C-alpha cells in the first residue's frame, strides 16, 4: 500500500499473496507436511472459487454488451432525473446506487457519476464530506446488491451459497440500511440551502441522449435478468443469456454505436464484429467528454482478468493456509470465545473487518474469514447464506472506511475527500455491520439448514 497506493490490487497484492502462500508452504514443510499435500490444498482452494470465476467473466461480457446496447446509459439517464437541489445528498446516494447496481462497480460509479456529483456539490456550496459519504453509500449499496459485482459473486462462492439467493438474503440488511441512510441525507439536505442548479447533470443527460437511443424499451433486458433471478434460475446461464440479449438489443436499437465499434467493417460482418468485441474486450466511447467516456467505456471478459488473477492468488493463499493448519490455529483461538450462533456471526463480521484493516484489501477480507468459518457455520446448522451475508457485512462494506485500504485510497483519489472526513457520513457502510450484528442477537432472519 505504501509503494503502490490504489494500484496495489492490479498486481502488487497478487505477488504479496503468492509470497505469503510460499511462506505458509515453508511452515507446512517444516512441520512435516509433504509438498504433494500442500499442493492439493492449493488446488482445492482454487477450485472453490472456479464457479465465481466463470460468473465474473460472464459478468464482464454482459457489461460490455449492455454498454453498447445503451441499457446502462438509459439507466443512468433515468437515474439523473431523480436529482433535485433540495434533495441533493439523498438523490446523490440513490443515483449512485442505481448506477452501481447497473454496472456492478463502486469504483467506476465513484470515478464518473461520483466525480460529477462532487463538482456540483462544490458549485452549490454544499458539504463535500457529506456529498462524498452519500456517493460512497450509494456506490457500495449498488456494488453489494448487483449480480455484476465481483465481491457479490465471491462471497457466496467462498461460503457455498448461491448468487441470487445470497442477494435476496442481503436485502433484509441492505434495504433498511439504505432507507435509514436516505433519511439521514434528506435531513442534512433540508438543513442546507443550495446556491445554484445542477446544470452539469442536465448537460450529461443531453450528451447521453445524443449518443444513444434512450427509451423505456432499453430496460427490458434488465427486467429479463431480474425475472430470471426472481425465478431462482442459476446465475451463470442467466447472466450469459442477459449478455446475449444485450448484443441483440445493440444491433436493433443502437446501429450508430455498433457501426462506430465495427470500424471499417460493413454489413452483417460489422454487427457481428461489434458485439463480439463488446463481449470479449468491452465497449469504447469517444464523445469528447472524458468523464462521460470513462463512464460508458468498459466491460468485456478481458476487463475481469485482473480480478480473476487476484481471486486465484487469494484462494491459493487461503488454500495453503488451511492445508498447513495455520487457519485452524487461528480459528481454534477464536472459537474458544464463541458460545452461540450470534457470537459466531458477530465474530465473523469483526474478523472480516479486521482482515480489511490488516491486509488492506476487500477480497482477502472475504476469502480468509470465509475459509476459516465455513465448517463452523455448517456444524452449528446455519445456512451458507448467513456466512456469505456476514462476510459482506464486515468485509465489502467496511473496506471503504479504512484510510489505508485500497478501496478508501481509491475513493480519496477520485472524490478528493479523505476517508477520515467522509466516514462519519457514509451512513450505509456504518449501518450495515451494526444491523447484521443486531439481527444475530435478535435471531431475526437467521436461516438454519433445516429451513
Protein backbone atom coordinates (compact mmCIF):
# COMPACT_ATOMS: atom_id res chain seq x y z
CA UNK A 1 0.00 0.00 0.00
CA UNK A 2 2.83 2.40 0.83
CA UNK A 3 4.51 1.72 -2.51
CA UNK A 4 1.56 1.35 -4.88
CA UNK A 5 -1.49 3.01 -3.29
CA UNK A 6 -4.77 2.33 -5.08
CA UNK A 7 -2.90 0.41 -7.81
CA UNK A 8 -1.94 -2.34 -5.36
CA UNK A 9 -4.88 -4.54 -6.47
CA UNK A 10 -3.51 -4.57 -10.03
CA UNK A 11 -0.53 -6.85 -9.41
CA UNK A 12 1.27 -5.98 -6.15
CA UNK A 13 -1.38 -7.61 -3.91
CA UNK A 14 -1.26 -10.74 -6.05
CA UNK A 15 2.51 -11.00 -5.65
CA UNK A 16 2.21 -10.38 -1.90
CA UNK A 17 -0.38 -13.16 -1.63
CA UNK A 18 1.85 -15.61 -3.50
CA UNK A 19 4.86 -14.74 -1.33
CA UNK A 20 2.69 -15.17 1.77
CA UNK A 21 1.49 -18.52 0.39
CA UNK A 22 5.11 -19.55 -0.16
CA UNK A 23 5.87 -18.65 3.46
CA UNK A 24 2.95 -20.80 4.60
CA UNK A 25 4.28 -23.65 2.45
CA UNK A 26 7.64 -23.41 4.23
CA UNK A 27 5.90 -23.57 7.60
CA UNK A 28 3.93 -26.61 6.45
CA UNK A 29 7.06 -28.36 5.18
CA UNK A 30 8.86 -27.58 8.44
CA UNK A 31 6.07 -29.27 10.39
CA UNK A 32 6.24 -32.44 8.32
CA UNK A 33 3.67 -31.93 5.57
CA UNK A 34 4.56 -33.03 2.06
CA UNK A 35 4.59 -30.74 -0.96
CA UNK A 36 2.01 -33.02 -2.60
CA UNK A 37 -0.47 -32.45 0.26
CA UNK A 38 0.14 -28.70 0.28
CA UNK A 39 -0.35 -28.53 -3.48
CA UNK A 40 -3.62 -30.44 -3.13
CA UNK A 41 -4.72 -27.82 -0.61
CA UNK A 42 -3.92 -25.07 -3.11
CA UNK A 43 -5.82 -26.82 -5.91
CA UNK A 44 -8.79 -27.40 -3.63
CA UNK A 45 -8.74 -23.76 -2.54
CA UNK A 46 -8.77 -22.50 -6.13
CA UNK A 47 -11.49 -24.96 -7.15
CA UNK A 48 -13.83 -23.44 -4.56
CA UNK A 49 -13.79 -20.15 -6.49
CA UNK A 50 -13.99 -21.54 -10.05
CA UNK A 51 -17.76 -21.11 -10.20
CA UNK A 52 -17.36 -17.45 -9.22
CA UNK A 53 -14.57 -17.04 -11.79
CA UNK A 54 -16.89 -18.21 -14.59
CA UNK A 55 -19.62 -15.86 -13.41
CA UNK A 56 -17.15 -12.95 -13.12
CA UNK A 57 -16.03 -13.49 -16.73
CA UNK A 58 -19.64 -13.68 -17.91
CA UNK A 59 -20.45 -10.51 -15.99
CA UNK A 60 -17.72 -8.76 -17.99
CA UNK A 61 -19.39 -9.89 -21.22
CA UNK A 62 -22.77 -8.64 -20.01
CA UNK A 63 -21.42 -5.21 -19.05
CA UNK A 64 -19.80 -4.90 -22.48
CA UNK A 65 -22.98 -5.60 -24.45
CA UNK A 66 -25.20 -3.58 -22.10
CA UNK A 67 -22.97 -0.55 -22.58
CA UNK A 68 -23.03 -0.99 -26.35
CA UNK A 69 -26.81 -1.52 -26.40
CA UNK A 70 -27.49 1.64 -24.39
CA UNK A 71 -29.02 -0.30 -21.50
CA UNK A 72 -26.62 1.06 -18.88
CA UNK A 73 -26.73 4.62 -20.34
CA UNK A 74 -30.55 4.51 -20.18
CA UNK A 75 -30.47 3.52 -16.50
CA UNK A 76 -28.04 6.35 -15.82
CA UNK A 77 -30.21 8.80 -17.77
CA UNK A 78 -33.36 7.98 -15.79
CA UNK A 79 -31.34 7.95 -12.57
CA UNK A 80 -30.25 11.52 -13.17
CA UNK A 81 -33.92 12.51 -13.37
CA UNK A 82 -34.09 11.97 -9.62
CA UNK A 83 -31.66 14.79 -8.82
CA UNK A 84 -33.10 17.94 -7.22
CA UNK A 85 -31.05 20.56 -5.33
CA UNK A 86 -33.32 20.28 -2.28
CA UNK A 87 -32.67 16.54 -2.12
CA UNK A 88 -29.08 16.62 -3.31
CA UNK A 89 -27.47 14.29 -0.75
CA UNK A 90 -30.28 11.73 -0.79
CA UNK A 91 -30.58 11.91 -4.57
CA UNK A 92 -26.80 11.52 -5.00
CA UNK A 93 -26.89 8.37 -2.87
CA UNK A 94 -29.83 6.98 -4.84
CA UNK A 95 -28.32 7.84 -8.25
CA UNK A 96 -25.02 6.17 -7.36
CA UNK A 97 -26.95 3.14 -6.08
CA UNK A 98 -28.83 2.83 -9.40
CA UNK A 99 -25.66 3.21 -11.47
CA UNK A 100 -23.66 0.79 -9.29
CA UNK A 101 -26.41 -1.84 -9.45
CA UNK A 102 -26.45 -1.48 -13.23
CA UNK A 103 -22.69 -1.83 -13.75
CA UNK A 104 -21.66 -3.75 -10.62
CA UNK A 105 -18.73 -1.47 -9.77
CA UNK A 106 -18.49 1.02 -6.91
CA UNK A 107 -15.14 2.28 -8.21
CA UNK A 108 -16.43 3.09 -11.70
CA UNK A 109 -19.53 4.74 -10.24
CA UNK A 110 -17.49 6.95 -7.90
CA UNK A 111 -14.93 7.82 -10.59
CA UNK A 112 -17.59 9.00 -13.05
CA UNK A 113 -21.01 9.96 -11.67
CA UNK A 114 -19.44 10.49 -8.23
CA UNK A 115 -16.91 12.99 -9.60
CA UNK A 116 -19.71 14.89 -11.39
CA UNK A 117 -21.78 15.00 -8.22
CA UNK A 118 -18.82 16.26 -6.17
CA UNK A 119 -18.29 19.06 -8.70
CA UNK A 120 -21.94 20.06 -8.44
CA UNK A 121 -21.78 19.93 -4.63
CA UNK A 122 -18.85 22.35 -4.74
CA UNK A 123 -20.78 24.64 -7.10
CA UNK A 124 -23.82 24.54 -4.81
CA UNK A 125 -21.56 25.25 -1.80
CA UNK A 126 -22.70 22.06 -0.10
CA UNK A 127 -20.64 19.99 2.33
CA UNK A 128 -18.10 17.93 0.38
CA UNK A 129 -17.62 15.31 3.15
CA UNK A 130 -21.39 14.72 3.30
CA UNK A 131 -21.60 14.54 -0.50
CA UNK A 132 -18.69 12.08 -0.59
CA UNK A 133 -20.36 9.98 2.12
CA UNK A 134 -23.57 9.89 0.05
CA UNK A 135 -21.67 8.87 -3.10
CA UNK A 136 -19.81 6.11 -1.22
CA UNK A 137 -23.01 4.83 0.42
CA UNK A 138 -24.89 4.62 -2.86
CA UNK A 139 -21.96 3.13 -4.75
CA UNK A 140 -21.41 0.40 -2.17
CA UNK A 141 -25.11 -0.42 -1.87
CA UNK A 142 -25.19 -0.95 -5.64
CA UNK A 143 -21.95 -2.90 -5.62
CA UNK A 144 -23.22 -5.10 -2.78
CA UNK A 145 -26.61 -5.80 -4.38
CA UNK A 146 -25.57 -6.19 -8.04
CA UNK A 147 -25.13 -9.66 -9.55
CA UNK A 148 -22.49 -8.00 -11.75
CA UNK A 149 -20.21 -7.23 -8.79
CA UNK A 150 -17.11 -9.38 -8.28
CA UNK A 151 -17.34 -9.25 -4.46
CA UNK A 152 -21.04 -10.16 -4.60
CA UNK A 153 -20.04 -13.22 -6.62
CA UNK A 154 -17.02 -14.05 -4.46
CA UNK A 155 -18.81 -14.10 -1.08
CA UNK A 156 -21.31 -16.87 -1.98
CA UNK A 157 -18.59 -18.79 -3.82
CA UNK A 158 -16.44 -18.90 -0.68
CA UNK A 159 -19.34 -19.74 1.64
CA UNK A 160 -21.13 -22.25 -0.59
CA UNK A 161 -24.35 -20.30 -1.16
CA UNK A 162 -25.98 -19.37 -4.49
CA UNK A 163 -25.59 -15.89 -6.01
CA UNK A 164 -29.21 -14.77 -6.38
CA UNK A 165 -30.24 -16.41 -3.10
CA UNK A 166 -27.36 -14.53 -1.45
CA UNK A 167 -28.55 -11.21 -2.93
CA UNK A 168 -32.16 -11.79 -1.85
CA UNK A 169 -30.99 -12.63 1.66
CA UNK A 170 -28.82 -9.47 1.83
CA UNK A 171 -31.91 -7.36 1.14
CA UNK A 172 -33.02 -7.80 4.76
CA UNK A 173 -29.96 -5.84 5.91
CA UNK A 174 -29.12 -3.64 2.92
CA UNK A 175 -32.56 -2.15 2.22
CA UNK A 176 -33.20 -0.96 5.82
CA UNK A 177 -29.64 0.42 5.94
CA UNK A 178 -30.17 2.30 2.66
CA UNK A 179 -33.55 3.59 3.84
CA UNK A 180 -32.06 4.95 7.07
CA UNK A 181 -29.15 6.44 5.13
CA UNK A 182 -31.54 8.23 2.74
CA UNK A 183 -33.47 9.64 5.71
CA UNK A 184 -30.21 10.92 7.18
CA UNK A 185 -29.18 12.54 3.90
CA UNK A 186 -32.64 14.08 3.48
CA UNK A 187 -32.44 15.65 6.93
CA UNK A 188 -28.97 17.04 6.20
CA UNK A 189 -30.12 18.24 2.77
CA UNK A 190 -33.13 20.17 4.05
CA UNK A 191 -30.87 21.88 6.59
CA UNK A 192 -28.69 23.24 3.74
CA UNK A 193 -29.53 25.83 1.10
CA UNK A 194 -28.22 25.38 -2.47
CA UNK A 195 -26.86 28.43 -4.31
CA UNK A 196 -27.49 27.29 -7.89
CA UNK A 197 -28.85 24.44 -10.05
CA UNK A 198 -27.25 21.23 -11.30
CA UNK A 199 -26.57 22.23 -14.90
CA UNK A 200 -23.71 19.72 -15.18
CA UNK A 201 -26.03 16.73 -14.87
CA UNK A 202 -28.51 18.26 -17.32
CA UNK A 203 -25.70 18.52 -19.87
CA UNK A 204 -24.74 14.92 -19.16
CA UNK A 205 -28.30 13.83 -19.88
CA UNK A 206 -28.19 15.72 -23.17
CA UNK A 207 -24.90 14.03 -24.10
CA UNK A 208 -26.35 10.62 -23.29
CA UNK A 209 -29.40 11.37 -25.43
CA UNK A 210 -27.14 12.42 -28.32
CA UNK A 211 -25.01 9.27 -28.14
CA UNK A 212 -27.72 6.66 -27.59
CA UNK A 213 -31.31 5.88 -28.46
CA UNK A 214 -32.74 6.36 -24.95
CA UNK A 215 -36.18 4.88 -24.38
CA UNK A 216 -38.08 2.66 -21.97
CA UNK A 217 -37.53 -0.44 -24.15
CA UNK A 218 -33.87 -0.35 -23.15
CA UNK A 219 -34.85 -1.60 -19.71
CA UNK A 220 -36.34 -4.90 -20.98
CA UNK A 221 -33.02 -6.84 -20.69
CA UNK A 222 -32.73 -5.59 -17.09
CA UNK A 223 -36.27 -6.78 -16.39
CA UNK A 224 -35.44 -10.09 -18.09
CA UNK A 225 -32.46 -10.61 -15.77
CA UNK A 226 -34.49 -9.65 -12.70
CA UNK A 227 -37.24 -12.12 -13.67
CA UNK A 228 -34.69 -14.93 -14.03
CA UNK A 229 -33.27 -14.02 -10.62
CA UNK A 230 -36.75 -13.97 -9.04
CA UNK A 231 -37.46 -17.39 -10.55
CA UNK A 232 -34.33 -18.72 -8.86
CA UNK A 233 -32.56 -19.61 -12.10
CA UNK A 234 -28.79 -20.32 -11.88
CA UNK A 235 -26.62 -17.21 -12.12
CA UNK A 236 -24.18 -18.31 -14.85
CA UNK A 237 -26.69 -19.15 -17.64
CA UNK A 238 -28.93 -16.23 -16.59
CA UNK A 239 -26.16 -13.66 -16.87
CA UNK A 240 -24.89 -15.14 -20.14
CA UNK A 241 -28.41 -15.02 -21.56
CA UNK A 242 -28.59 -11.38 -20.47
CA UNK A 243 -25.29 -10.68 -22.25
CA UNK A 244 -26.57 -12.23 -25.48
CA UNK A 245 -29.85 -10.31 -25.22
CA UNK A 246 -27.79 -7.15 -24.81
CA UNK A 247 -25.99 -7.98 -28.05
CA UNK A 248 -29.32 -8.34 -29.85
CA UNK A 249 -30.55 -5.04 -28.36
CA UNK A 250 -27.39 -3.31 -29.58
CA UNK A 251 -28.00 -4.47 -33.15
CA UNK A 252 -31.65 -3.38 -33.04
CA UNK A 253 -31.56 -0.08 -31.15
CA UNK A 254 -28.01 1.31 -31.42
CA UNK A 255 -26.89 0.95 -35.07
CA UNK A 256 -24.69 4.07 -34.86
CA UNK A 257 -22.79 2.80 -31.82
CA UNK A 258 -22.43 -0.63 -33.45
CA UNK A 259 -21.05 0.99 -36.62
CA UNK A 260 -18.58 3.02 -34.56
CA UNK A 261 -17.40 -0.15 -32.78
CA UNK A 262 -17.09 -2.09 -36.05
CA UNK A 263 -14.74 0.40 -37.66
CA UNK A 264 -14.27 -0.26 -41.36
CA UNK A 265 -16.31 -3.49 -41.45
CA UNK A 266 -19.69 -3.34 -43.19
CA UNK A 267 -22.99 -5.21 -43.29
CA UNK A 268 -23.69 -8.28 -41.18
CA UNK A 269 -19.96 -8.71 -40.56
CA UNK A 270 -19.83 -5.26 -38.95
CA UNK A 271 -22.60 -6.07 -36.49
CA UNK A 272 -21.09 -9.43 -35.59
CA UNK A 273 -17.66 -7.90 -35.10
CA UNK A 274 -19.01 -5.12 -32.85
CA UNK A 275 -20.95 -7.39 -30.48
CA UNK A 276 -18.09 -9.91 -30.43
CA UNK A 277 -15.70 -7.16 -29.33
CA UNK A 278 -18.19 -5.98 -26.72
CA UNK A 279 -18.41 -9.50 -25.29
CA UNK A 280 -14.66 -10.05 -25.24
CA UNK A 281 -12.99 -6.63 -24.81
CA UNK A 282 -15.85 -4.31 -23.87
CA UNK A 283 -17.13 -1.08 -25.34
CA UNK A 284 -15.22 2.13 -26.10
CA UNK A 285 -16.87 5.55 -26.43
CA UNK A 286 -15.14 8.69 -27.71
CA UNK A 287 -17.51 11.62 -27.29
CA UNK A 288 -15.03 14.32 -26.35
CA UNK A 289 -16.36 14.37 -22.77
CA UNK A 290 -13.74 12.45 -20.78
CA UNK A 291 -15.95 11.85 -17.74
CA UNK A 292 -18.73 10.50 -19.94
CA UNK A 293 -16.30 8.39 -21.97
CA UNK A 294 -14.96 6.84 -18.74
CA UNK A 295 -18.49 6.06 -17.60
CA UNK A 296 -19.60 4.46 -20.86
CA UNK A 297 -16.41 2.60 -21.80
CA UNK A 298 -15.51 -0.76 -20.28
CA UNK A 299 -16.79 -4.26 -19.76
CA UNK A 300 -15.82 -7.36 -21.69
CA UNK A 301 -14.39 -10.60 -20.35
CA UNK A 302 -10.85 -9.23 -20.59
CA UNK A 303 -11.71 -6.47 -18.08
CA UNK A 304 -12.26 -9.17 -15.43
CA UNK A 305 -8.92 -10.94 -15.86
CA UNK A 306 -7.19 -8.90 -13.14
CA UNK A 307 -9.99 -9.77 -10.71
CA UNK A 308 -9.66 -13.44 -11.67
CA UNK A 309 -5.90 -13.18 -11.07
CA UNK A 310 -6.48 -11.69 -7.63
CA UNK A 311 -9.11 -14.32 -6.73
CA UNK A 312 -6.79 -17.19 -7.76
CA UNK A 313 -3.89 -15.77 -5.73
CA UNK A 314 -6.11 -15.15 -2.69
CA UNK A 315 -7.53 -18.67 -2.88
CA UNK A 316 -4.00 -20.04 -3.25
CA UNK A 317 -3.04 -18.31 -0.03
CA UNK A 318 -6.23 -19.42 1.73
CA UNK A 319 -5.85 -22.99 0.49
CA UNK A 320 -2.28 -23.45 1.70
CA UNK A 321 -3.05 -21.68 4.98
CA UNK A 322 -5.85 -24.18 5.57
CA UNK A 323 -3.84 -27.22 4.46
CA UNK A 324 -0.84 -26.24 6.58
CA UNK A 325 -3.09 -25.94 9.63
CA UNK A 326 -2.47 -22.22 10.15
CA UNK A 327 -6.11 -21.20 9.74
CA UNK A 328 -7.08 -23.95 12.15
CA UNK A 329 -4.73 -22.47 14.77
CA UNK A 330 -6.29 -19.02 14.41
CA UNK A 331 -9.78 -20.48 14.36
CA UNK A 332 -9.25 -22.57 17.48
CA UNK A 333 -8.22 -19.48 19.41
CA UNK A 334 -11.28 -17.56 18.23
CA UNK A 335 -13.74 -20.42 18.70
CA UNK A 336 -12.90 -20.54 22.40
CA UNK A 337 -14.63 -17.17 22.63
CA UNK A 338 -17.69 -18.24 20.59
CA UNK A 339 -20.54 -19.70 22.61
CA UNK A 340 -23.64 -19.01 20.50
CA UNK A 341 -24.64 -18.59 16.86
CA UNK A 342 -24.99 -14.86 17.48
CA UNK A 343 -21.42 -14.60 18.74
CA UNK A 344 -20.22 -16.65 15.73
CA UNK A 345 -21.90 -14.24 13.30
CA UNK A 346 -20.53 -11.24 15.21
CA UNK A 347 -17.04 -12.72 15.27
CA UNK A 348 -17.23 -13.36 11.51
CA UNK A 349 -18.19 -9.74 10.83
CA UNK A 350 -15.42 -8.45 13.11
CA UNK A 351 -12.88 -10.84 11.58
CA UNK A 352 -13.74 -9.61 8.08
CA UNK A 353 -13.36 -6.03 9.27
CA UNK A 354 -10.04 -6.84 10.97
CA UNK A 355 -8.78 -8.52 7.81
CA UNK A 356 -9.60 -5.31 5.93
CA UNK A 357 -7.51 -3.40 8.47
CA UNK A 358 -4.55 -5.80 8.36
CA UNK A 359 -4.41 -6.70 4.67
CA UNK A 360 -5.85 -3.50 3.12
CA UNK A 361 -7.88 -5.47 0.58
CA UNK A 362 -11.59 -6.35 0.50
CA UNK A 363 -11.11 -9.57 -1.50
CA UNK A 364 -8.91 -11.09 1.19
CA UNK A 365 -11.43 -9.98 3.85
CA UNK A 366 -13.98 -12.23 2.13
CA UNK A 367 -11.76 -15.21 1.30
CA UNK A 368 -9.88 -15.78 4.56
CA UNK A 369 -12.78 -15.48 7.05
CA UNK A 370 -14.97 -17.46 4.65
CA UNK A 371 -12.47 -20.31 4.64
CA UNK A 372 -11.98 -20.06 8.41
CA UNK A 373 -15.62 -20.19 9.49
CA UNK A 374 -17.36 -22.22 6.77
CA UNK A 375 -17.20 -25.54 8.64
CA UNK A 376 -18.22 -23.96 11.96
CA UNK A 377 -21.34 -22.40 10.40
CA UNK A 378 -22.29 -25.82 8.99
CA UNK A 379 -21.62 -27.54 12.36
CA UNK A 380 -23.97 -25.09 14.07
CA UNK A 381 -26.70 -25.73 11.46
CA UNK A 382 -26.53 -22.26 9.89
CA UNK A 383 -27.37 -21.81 6.20
CA UNK A 384 -24.39 -20.80 4.00
CA UNK A 385 -26.24 -17.56 3.19
CA UNK A 386 -25.75 -16.45 6.79
CA UNK A 387 -21.99 -16.76 6.29
CA UNK A 388 -21.95 -15.03 2.88
CA UNK A 389 -24.05 -12.13 4.20
CA UNK A 390 -21.85 -11.79 7.28
CA UNK A 391 -18.74 -11.69 5.09
CA UNK A 392 -20.19 -8.86 3.01
CA UNK A 393 -21.44 -7.02 6.12
CA UNK A 394 -17.97 -6.99 7.65
CA UNK A 395 -15.74 -7.13 4.58
CA UNK A 396 -17.06 -5.49 1.41
CA UNK A 397 -18.79 -2.62 3.18
CA UNK A 398 -16.17 -1.64 5.75
CA UNK A 399 -13.27 -1.60 3.27
CA UNK A 400 -14.14 1.94 2.22
CA UNK A 401 -13.91 3.24 5.81
CA UNK A 402 -10.27 2.25 6.43
CA UNK A 403 -7.91 5.01 5.16
CA UNK A 404 -5.15 2.63 4.02
CA UNK A 405 -7.46 0.09 2.38
CA UNK A 406 -7.29 0.05 -1.42
CA UNK A 407 -10.99 0.97 -1.66
CA UNK A 408 -10.67 4.02 0.60
CA UNK A 409 -7.47 5.13 -1.12
CA UNK A 410 -9.25 4.99 -4.46
CA UNK A 411 -12.23 6.97 -3.17
CA UNK A 412 -9.89 9.62 -1.76
CA UNK A 413 -8.16 9.82 -5.13
CA UNK A 414 -11.32 10.34 -7.19
CA UNK A 415 -13.56 12.26 -4.76
CA UNK A 416 -10.85 14.44 -3.20
CA UNK A 417 -12.16 13.91 0.35
CA UNK A 418 -10.23 11.96 2.98
CA UNK A 419 -11.89 8.77 4.30
CA UNK A 420 -11.49 10.21 7.79
CA UNK A 421 -13.68 13.14 6.69
CA UNK A 422 -16.38 11.24 4.79
CA UNK A 423 -16.54 8.12 7.02
CA UNK A 424 -18.95 9.72 9.58
CA UNK A 425 -21.35 10.43 6.69
CA UNK A 426 -21.01 7.07 4.90
CA UNK A 427 -24.21 6.04 6.67
CA UNK A 428 -24.82 2.86 4.70
CA UNK A 429 -21.32 1.50 5.38
CA UNK A 430 -21.67 2.30 9.08
CA UNK A 431 -25.16 0.85 9.50
CA UNK A 432 -24.81 -2.47 7.65
CA UNK A 433 -22.45 -4.26 10.11
CA UNK A 434 -24.41 -2.90 13.08
CA UNK A 435 -27.73 -4.15 11.66
CA UNK A 436 -26.11 -7.51 10.85
CA UNK A 437 -24.94 -7.90 14.46
CA UNK A 438 -28.32 -6.75 15.82
CA UNK A 439 -30.14 -9.35 13.68
CA UNK A 440 -27.81 -12.03 15.04
CA UNK A 441 -28.65 -11.31 18.68
CA UNK A 442 -32.35 -10.81 17.93
CA UNK A 443 -32.29 -14.10 15.95
CA UNK A 444 -34.10 -12.25 13.17
CA UNK A 445 -33.82 -13.71 9.64
CA UNK A 446 -31.05 -16.10 10.67
CA UNK A 447 -31.58 -19.11 8.40
CA UNK A 448 -30.92 -22.65 9.59
CA UNK A 449 -30.12 -25.60 7.36
CA UNK A 450 -33.44 -27.14 8.44
CA UNK A 451 -35.21 -24.15 6.82
